[in-house]
């Protein structure tokens, strides 16, 4: 079957003028402008309750980014100078930066070749007497195997933080991603399945002390309007962004279903040509990204572009290769090192047409035949 002669963008962030979403967002912004309440008011409170309920957690704290969700989780768990925090290296810079900004030491653990995620087996060799936390990154929206990781962490009395920035709505053994560790951290950057019109983030938790600490940290450390409990920051989500997120949360399950449909087609059509993540029993990914491991990655990347298909490399250089982190031990990252030359992200937009999906599959087949 000849692929249709169409262009396939990797992302499409525009909101068509006159669409229901466009009208709903403009109406919500108009109401906020008229009401004159702009920061951490009714919309923020409402969205926090909605997010916590969706994740199956007791509380949510909205923030100005997913990065701050990780950073403030670490602070609330008393991660301080000299402590060690185990993290993967094949992820976005926010994870290691948050650890270092707490004064702690990032310890890079390798990942499993089958799903590119941390596991109990890759974490345990990195544990020392100074290990105080593990940050499990649910890369691409696929949950780590949290049962084994939590059991290992409990054995060594280590806190577990979930970086679920790409995994809102993902499920592990019946539990939503973010609700399984001490805290779950989310990003609402526009590229995420549910995004703001700018930056935004949140964390969820069942721990009341962590919840109250993070609420104070985001607002200059204030306990109430005139009483400062601790040294804090300015990381408040505004009402307009909360209103946008409230509107977009109505569609989260539809977006996840659309992406899982695309992922199923990719798996069916391309599994004999590329390596892909196998969900396995108990895991349901949300496919914020769809990453394949493939031979001749760079050649395929260029070939797809010549055919009008926009793919992406996440990331051309992993964290341990970046200048500020080259002093940390990385010799043991054998799987991570191989992934750097094999991973490629295919388009997986929620609004992709069947024609676009077909073109991606047929073009990759033509490259390898």
Protein backbone atom coordinates (compact mmCIF):
# COMPACT_ATOMS: atom_id res chain seq x y z
CA UNK A 1 0.00 0.00 0.00
CA UNK A 2 1.44 3.36 -1.04
CA UNK A 3 1.56 5.89 1.78
CA UNK A 4 -0.54 9.03 1.25
CA UNK A 5 1.35 12.14 0.14
CA UNK A 6 0.88 14.09 3.38
CA UNK A 7 3.12 15.80 5.91
CA UNK A 8 3.16 14.41 9.44
CA UNK A 9 4.10 16.97 12.14
CA UNK A 10 5.52 15.76 15.43
CA UNK A 11 3.44 18.19 17.49
CA UNK A 12 0.56 20.56 16.82
CA UNK A 13 -0.03 22.93 19.72
CA UNK A 14 -2.34 25.42 18.05
CA UNK A 15 -5.99 25.77 19.10
CA UNK A 16 -8.17 26.42 16.03
CA UNK A 17 -10.07 29.66 16.26
CA UNK A 18 -13.76 29.04 16.77
CA UNK A 19 -13.29 25.47 18.02
CA UNK A 20 -15.10 24.45 21.23
CA UNK A 21 -11.80 24.42 23.15
CA UNK A 22 -10.92 27.90 21.87
CA UNK A 23 -14.32 29.24 22.91
CA UNK A 24 -14.24 27.54 26.32
CA UNK A 25 -10.78 28.88 27.15
CA UNK A 26 -11.66 32.42 26.07
CA UNK A 27 -14.84 32.27 28.17
CA UNK A 28 -12.91 31.04 31.22
CA UNK A 29 -10.27 33.77 30.83
CA UNK A 30 -13.00 36.39 30.50
CA UNK A 31 -14.64 35.20 33.74
CA UNK A 32 -11.30 35.41 35.58
CA UNK A 33 -10.57 38.88 34.25
CA UNK A 34 -14.00 40.03 35.39
CA UNK A 35 -13.66 38.42 38.81
CA UNK A 36 -10.26 39.98 39.51
CA UNK A 37 -8.81 36.95 41.35
CA UNK A 38 -5.66 35.79 39.56
CA UNK A 39 -3.42 33.62 41.75
CA UNK A 40 -4.21 30.51 43.84
CA UNK A 41 -7.92 31.16 44.19
CA UNK A 42 -11.04 29.16 43.29
CA UNK A 43 -9.85 27.68 39.98
CA UNK A 44 -6.55 26.54 41.48
CA UNK A 45 -8.30 25.00 44.48
CA UNK A 46 -10.83 23.28 42.24
CA UNK A 47 -8.19 21.89 39.89
CA UNK A 48 -6.08 20.60 42.80
CA UNK A 49 -9.05 18.62 44.10
CA UNK A 50 -9.79 17.34 40.59
CA UNK A 51 -6.18 16.25 40.02
CA UNK A 52 -5.89 14.52 43.40
CA UNK A 53 -9.14 12.64 42.81
CA UNK A 54 -8.09 11.61 39.30
CA UNK A 55 -4.77 10.25 40.56
CA UNK A 56 -6.31 8.57 43.60
CA UNK A 57 -4.27 10.70 46.02
CA UNK A 58 -5.39 12.65 49.08
CA UNK A 59 -3.86 15.99 48.10
CA UNK A 60 -2.43 17.92 45.15
CA UNK A 61 -0.30 21.07 45.16
CA UNK A 62 -0.12 23.07 41.94
CA UNK A 63 3.18 24.76 41.10
CA UNK A 64 4.77 26.71 38.29
CA UNK A 65 6.49 23.67 36.74
CA UNK A 66 7.11 19.96 36.96
CA UNK A 67 10.70 20.83 37.85
CA UNK A 68 9.54 22.57 41.02
CA UNK A 69 7.37 19.56 41.82
CA UNK A 70 10.51 17.39 41.93
CA UNK A 71 12.59 20.04 43.73
CA UNK A 72 10.00 20.71 46.42
CA UNK A 73 9.34 17.00 46.88
CA UNK A 74 13.03 16.57 47.69
CA UNK A 75 12.98 19.50 50.12
CA UNK A 76 9.82 18.25 51.83
CA UNK A 77 11.47 14.85 52.29
CA UNK A 78 14.47 16.53 53.96
CA UNK A 79 16.94 15.74 51.19
CA UNK A 80 19.92 17.93 51.96
CA UNK A 81 23.62 18.52 51.31
CA UNK A 82 25.61 15.31 50.96
CA UNK A 83 22.60 13.02 50.58
CA UNK A 84 22.52 10.74 47.54
CA UNK A 85 19.53 10.45 45.22
CA UNK A 86 19.37 7.65 42.64
CA UNK A 87 18.11 8.73 39.22
CA UNK A 88 18.25 7.58 35.59
CA UNK A 89 20.43 9.46 33.10
CA UNK A 90 18.27 9.06 29.97
CA UNK A 91 15.76 11.74 30.97
CA UNK A 92 15.14 15.49 30.91
CA UNK A 93 17.53 17.78 32.77
CA UNK A 94 15.02 18.74 35.47
CA UNK A 95 15.65 15.57 37.49
CA UNK A 96 19.40 15.92 38.07
CA UNK A 97 19.16 19.71 38.38
CA UNK A 98 16.58 19.39 41.17
CA UNK A 99 18.83 17.01 43.08
CA UNK A 100 21.87 19.27 42.79
CA UNK A 101 19.86 22.37 43.67
CA UNK A 102 19.01 20.68 46.99
CA UNK A 103 22.73 20.24 47.62
CA UNK A 104 22.41 16.48 47.15
CA UNK A 105 24.41 14.16 44.93
CA UNK A 106 22.83 12.57 41.84
CA UNK A 107 23.71 8.89 41.47
CA UNK A 108 23.04 7.58 37.99
CA UNK A 109 21.61 4.07 37.78
CA UNK A 110 21.35 2.14 34.53
CA UNK A 111 18.00 1.23 33.00
CA UNK A 112 16.42 -1.92 31.64
CA UNK A 113 16.89 -2.46 27.88
CA UNK A 114 13.29 -3.65 27.51
CA UNK A 115 11.57 -0.45 28.66
CA UNK A 116 14.37 2.11 29.21
CA UNK A 117 13.28 2.54 32.86
CA UNK A 118 14.84 2.13 36.29
CA UNK A 119 14.15 -1.18 38.01
CA UNK A 120 14.91 -2.64 41.42
CA UNK A 121 17.71 -4.63 39.77
CA UNK A 122 19.42 -1.53 38.34
CA UNK A 123 18.84 0.55 41.49
CA UNK A 124 20.10 -1.81 44.20
CA UNK A 125 23.81 -1.81 43.19
CA UNK A 126 23.81 2.00 43.51
CA UNK A 127 22.47 2.13 47.09
CA UNK A 128 24.88 3.28 49.80
CA UNK A 129 24.53 4.42 53.40
CA UNK A 130 24.01 7.96 52.05
CA UNK A 131 21.12 7.10 49.72
CA UNK A 132 18.03 8.98 50.84
CA UNK A 133 15.73 8.93 47.79
CA UNK A 134 15.03 7.36 44.43
CA UNK A 135 13.39 9.31 41.61
CA UNK A 136 11.55 6.89 39.32
CA UNK A 137 10.97 8.53 35.94
CA UNK A 138 8.03 7.09 34.02
CA UNK A 139 9.67 7.86 30.70
CA UNK A 140 7.35 8.18 27.67
CA UNK A 141 4.35 7.70 29.98
CA UNK A 142 5.16 4.06 30.82
CA UNK A 143 5.21 3.35 34.58
CA UNK A 144 8.25 1.80 36.19
CA UNK A 145 7.70 -1.51 37.97
CA UNK A 146 6.87 0.23 41.22
CA UNK A 147 6.06 -2.81 43.37
CA UNK A 148 9.62 -4.12 43.28
CA UNK A 149 11.10 -0.64 43.64
CA UNK A 150 8.93 0.20 46.64
CA UNK A 151 9.82 -3.08 48.32
CA UNK A 152 13.52 -2.39 47.79
CA UNK A 153 13.16 1.19 49.06
CA UNK A 154 11.31 0.03 52.18
CA UNK A 155 14.09 -2.46 52.92
CA UNK A 156 16.67 0.35 52.92
CA UNK A 157 14.36 3.09 54.33
CA UNK A 158 14.60 5.19 51.18
CA UNK A 159 11.92 7.62 49.95
CA UNK A 160 10.50 7.09 46.45
CA UNK A 161 9.51 10.03 44.27
CA UNK A 162 7.65 9.43 41.01
CA UNK A 163 8.51 11.72 38.13
CA UNK A 164 5.22 11.26 36.31
CA UNK A 165 5.66 14.37 34.16
CA UNK A 166 4.92 12.31 31.05
CA UNK A 167 2.58 9.84 32.71
CA UNK A 168 -0.65 11.51 33.86
CA UNK A 169 -3.29 8.78 33.65
CA UNK A 170 -0.87 5.87 33.31
CA UNK A 171 -1.75 2.80 35.38
CA UNK A 172 0.40 0.31 37.29
CA UNK A 173 -1.36 -2.65 38.93
CA UNK A 174 -4.60 -0.70 39.18
CA UNK A 175 -3.02 2.47 40.60
CA UNK A 176 -2.55 5.74 38.73
CA UNK A 177 1.01 6.90 38.19
CA UNK A 178 1.98 9.46 40.81
CA UNK A 179 -0.05 7.84 43.58
CA UNK A 180 2.40 4.99 44.24
CA UNK A 181 5.44 6.78 45.68
CA UNK A 182 5.80 9.32 48.47
CA UNK A 183 5.01 12.03 45.94
CA UNK A 184 4.06 12.07 42.28
CA UNK A 185 5.30 14.96 40.13
CA UNK A 186 3.54 16.25 37.02
CA UNK A 187 4.36 18.75 34.31
CA UNK A 188 1.74 20.73 32.42
CA UNK A 189 4.14 22.11 29.82
CA UNK A 190 2.27 22.55 26.51
CA UNK A 191 3.97 19.47 25.04
CA UNK A 192 2.39 17.18 27.63
CA UNK A 193 -0.86 15.26 27.04
CA UNK A 194 -2.59 17.88 29.19
CA UNK A 195 -0.81 21.23 29.05
CA UNK A 196 -1.12 24.86 30.08
CA UNK A 197 -0.78 27.89 27.83
CA UNK A 198 2.73 28.19 29.27
CA UNK A 199 4.43 26.50 32.19
CA UNK A 200 2.74 24.67 35.04
CA UNK A 201 3.16 21.66 37.29
CA UNK A 202 1.86 19.88 40.36
CA UNK A 203 2.60 17.16 42.85
CA UNK A 204 0.27 14.71 44.55
CA UNK A 205 0.78 12.95 47.88
CA UNK A 206 -0.95 11.06 50.66
CA UNK A 207 1.44 12.48 53.26
CA UNK A 208 -0.08 15.44 55.12
CA UNK A 209 3.29 16.77 56.29
CA UNK A 210 4.65 16.75 52.73
CA UNK A 211 1.47 18.40 51.46
CA UNK A 212 1.56 21.22 54.00
CA UNK A 213 5.29 21.74 53.53
CA UNK A 214 4.97 22.04 49.74
CA UNK A 215 2.01 24.42 50.01
CA UNK A 216 4.18 26.66 52.14
CA UNK A 217 7.30 26.29 49.99
CA UNK A 218 5.43 27.43 46.86
CA UNK A 219 4.29 30.65 48.58
CA UNK A 220 7.42 32.10 50.20
CA UNK A 221 7.15 29.66 53.11
CA UNK A 222 4.01 31.32 54.48
CA UNK A 223 1.80 29.45 56.90
CA UNK A 224 -0.83 32.16 56.66
CA UNK A 225 -0.93 35.67 55.23
CA UNK A 226 1.41 37.16 57.84
CA UNK A 227 3.32 34.17 59.30
CA UNK A 228 6.36 32.64 57.61
CA UNK A 229 6.94 29.00 58.64
CA UNK A 230 10.04 28.32 56.51
CA UNK A 231 12.19 29.83 53.77
CA UNK A 232 10.26 29.31 50.56
CA UNK A 233 9.92 30.24 46.92
CA UNK A 234 7.45 31.79 44.49
CA UNK A 235 6.01 28.86 42.55
CA UNK A 236 2.29 29.54 42.44
CA UNK A 237 0.05 28.51 39.56
CA UNK A 238 -2.22 31.30 38.33
CA UNK A 239 -5.98 31.09 37.89
CA UNK A 240 -5.90 31.30 34.10
CA UNK A 241 -3.63 28.28 33.77
CA UNK A 242 -5.73 26.35 36.29
CA UNK A 243 -8.84 27.15 34.25
CA UNK A 244 -7.16 25.90 31.07
CA UNK A 245 -6.12 22.68 32.82
CA UNK A 246 -9.64 22.19 34.19
CA UNK A 247 -11.04 22.45 30.65
CA UNK A 248 -8.42 20.12 29.20
CA UNK A 249 -8.79 17.50 31.93
CA UNK A 250 -12.23 16.76 30.48
CA UNK A 251 -10.44 15.20 27.52
CA UNK A 252 -7.60 13.31 29.22
CA UNK A 253 -9.11 9.85 28.87
CA UNK A 254 -9.99 10.47 25.22
CA UNK A 255 -6.44 11.63 24.49
CA UNK A 256 -4.97 8.60 26.24
CA UNK A 257 -7.28 6.26 24.30
CA UNK A 258 -6.29 7.90 21.00
CA UNK A 259 -2.59 7.56 21.75
CA UNK A 260 -2.94 3.96 22.90
CA UNK A 261 -4.71 3.22 19.59
CA UNK A 262 -1.79 4.70 17.63
CA UNK A 263 0.73 2.83 19.79
CA UNK A 264 -1.10 -0.45 19.13
CA UNK A 265 -0.83 0.11 15.39
CA UNK A 266 2.87 0.98 15.60
CA UNK A 267 3.49 -2.15 17.66
CA UNK A 268 1.59 -4.33 15.23
CA UNK A 269 3.15 -2.89 12.08
CA UNK A 270 6.74 -2.23 13.16
CA UNK A 271 7.67 -4.69 15.91
CA UNK A 272 9.60 -6.88 13.47
CA UNK A 273 11.75 -3.91 12.44
CA UNK A 274 12.31 -2.01 15.70
CA UNK A 275 12.43 -2.69 19.43
CA UNK A 276 9.51 -1.25 21.40
CA UNK A 277 8.44 -1.11 25.00
CA UNK A 278 6.30 -4.05 26.02
CA UNK A 279 3.73 -3.02 28.61
CA UNK A 280 3.41 -6.47 30.11
CA UNK A 281 0.86 -7.43 32.73
CA UNK A 282 -0.45 -4.64 34.95
CA UNK A 283 0.95 -1.65 33.04
CA UNK A 284 -0.99 0.79 30.87
CA UNK A 285 1.10 3.55 29.33
CA UNK A 286 -0.24 6.87 28.10
CA UNK A 287 2.36 7.31 25.34
CA UNK A 288 3.31 10.91 25.87
CA UNK A 289 6.08 9.77 23.53
CA UNK A 290 6.42 6.66 21.40
CA UNK A 291 10.09 5.74 21.36
CA UNK A 292 11.54 2.96 19.26
CA UNK A 293 15.03 1.46 19.44
CA UNK A 294 16.34 1.00 15.94
CA UNK A 295 19.40 0.36 13.81
CA UNK A 296 20.68 3.25 11.67
CA UNK A 297 18.77 5.69 13.86
CA UNK A 298 20.23 8.89 12.42
CA UNK A 299 19.75 7.70 8.84
CA UNK A 300 16.12 6.80 9.59
CA UNK A 301 15.59 10.17 11.27
CA UNK A 302 16.79 12.00 8.14
CA UNK A 303 14.89 9.68 5.81
CA UNK A 304 11.61 10.32 7.60
CA UNK A 305 12.15 14.07 7.39
CA UNK A 306 12.77 13.86 3.63
CA UNK A 307 9.44 12.07 3.37
CA UNK A 308 7.65 14.78 5.35
CA UNK A 309 7.54 12.94 8.69
CA UNK A 310 8.85 14.79 11.73
CA UNK A 311 10.44 12.53 14.33
CA UNK A 312 12.64 13.49 17.31
CA UNK A 313 15.59 12.25 19.32
CA UNK A 314 15.02 12.28 23.10
CA UNK A 315 17.77 13.14 23.89
CA UNK A 316 20.86 13.52 21.65
CA UNK A 317 23.02 13.67 24.79
CA UNK A 318 21.89 12.11 28.05
CA UNK A 319 22.34 13.77 31.43
CA UNK A 320 25.66 12.17 32.36
CA UNK A 321 27.17 13.51 29.12
CA UNK A 322 26.28 17.13 29.86
CA UNK A 323 29.10 19.39 31.03
CA UNK A 324 27.91 19.93 34.64
CA UNK A 325 27.49 16.18 35.24
CA UNK A 326 30.51 14.60 33.61
CA UNK A 327 32.26 14.41 36.99
CA UNK A 328 29.73 11.87 38.28
CA UNK A 329 30.34 8.14 37.82
CA UNK A 330 28.80 6.82 34.59
CA UNK A 331 31.06 3.94 33.57
CA UNK A 332 28.42 1.39 34.57
CA UNK A 333 25.69 2.88 32.32
CA UNK A 334 26.11 0.29 29.59
CA UNK A 335 22.45 0.10 28.52
CA UNK A 336 21.99 3.86 28.75
CA UNK A 337 25.05 4.36 26.56
CA UNK A 338 23.64 2.07 23.86
CA UNK A 339 20.25 3.79 23.94
CA UNK A 340 21.84 7.13 23.12
CA UNK A 341 22.47 5.91 19.57
CA UNK A 342 19.29 3.89 19.04
CA UNK A 343 16.24 5.77 20.34
CA UNK A 344 13.88 7.68 18.06
CA UNK A 345 10.50 9.22 18.92
CA UNK A 346 7.75 8.79 16.34
CA UNK A 347 4.78 11.15 15.95
CA UNK A 348 1.97 10.18 18.31
CA UNK A 349 -0.39 13.14 18.48
CA UNK A 350 -3.89 12.64 19.81
CA UNK A 351 -5.31 14.15 16.62
CA UNK A 352 -3.34 11.99 14.15
CA UNK A 353 -5.35 10.70 11.21
CA UNK A 354 -5.30 7.11 10.04
CA UNK A 355 -3.56 8.36 6.90
CA UNK A 356 -0.75 9.92 8.93
CA UNK A 357 -0.31 6.75 10.99
CA UNK A 358 -0.22 4.66 7.83
CA UNK A 359 2.38 6.94 6.24
CA UNK A 360 4.69 6.63 9.27
CA UNK A 361 4.46 2.84 9.21
CA UNK A 362 4.87 2.44 5.47
CA UNK A 363 7.78 4.87 5.33
CA UNK A 364 9.70 3.06 8.06
CA UNK A 365 9.04 -0.25 6.30
CA UNK A 366 10.37 1.20 3.04
CA UNK A 367 13.56 2.36 4.83
CA UNK A 368 14.35 -1.11 6.13
CA UNK A 369 13.47 -3.03 2.95
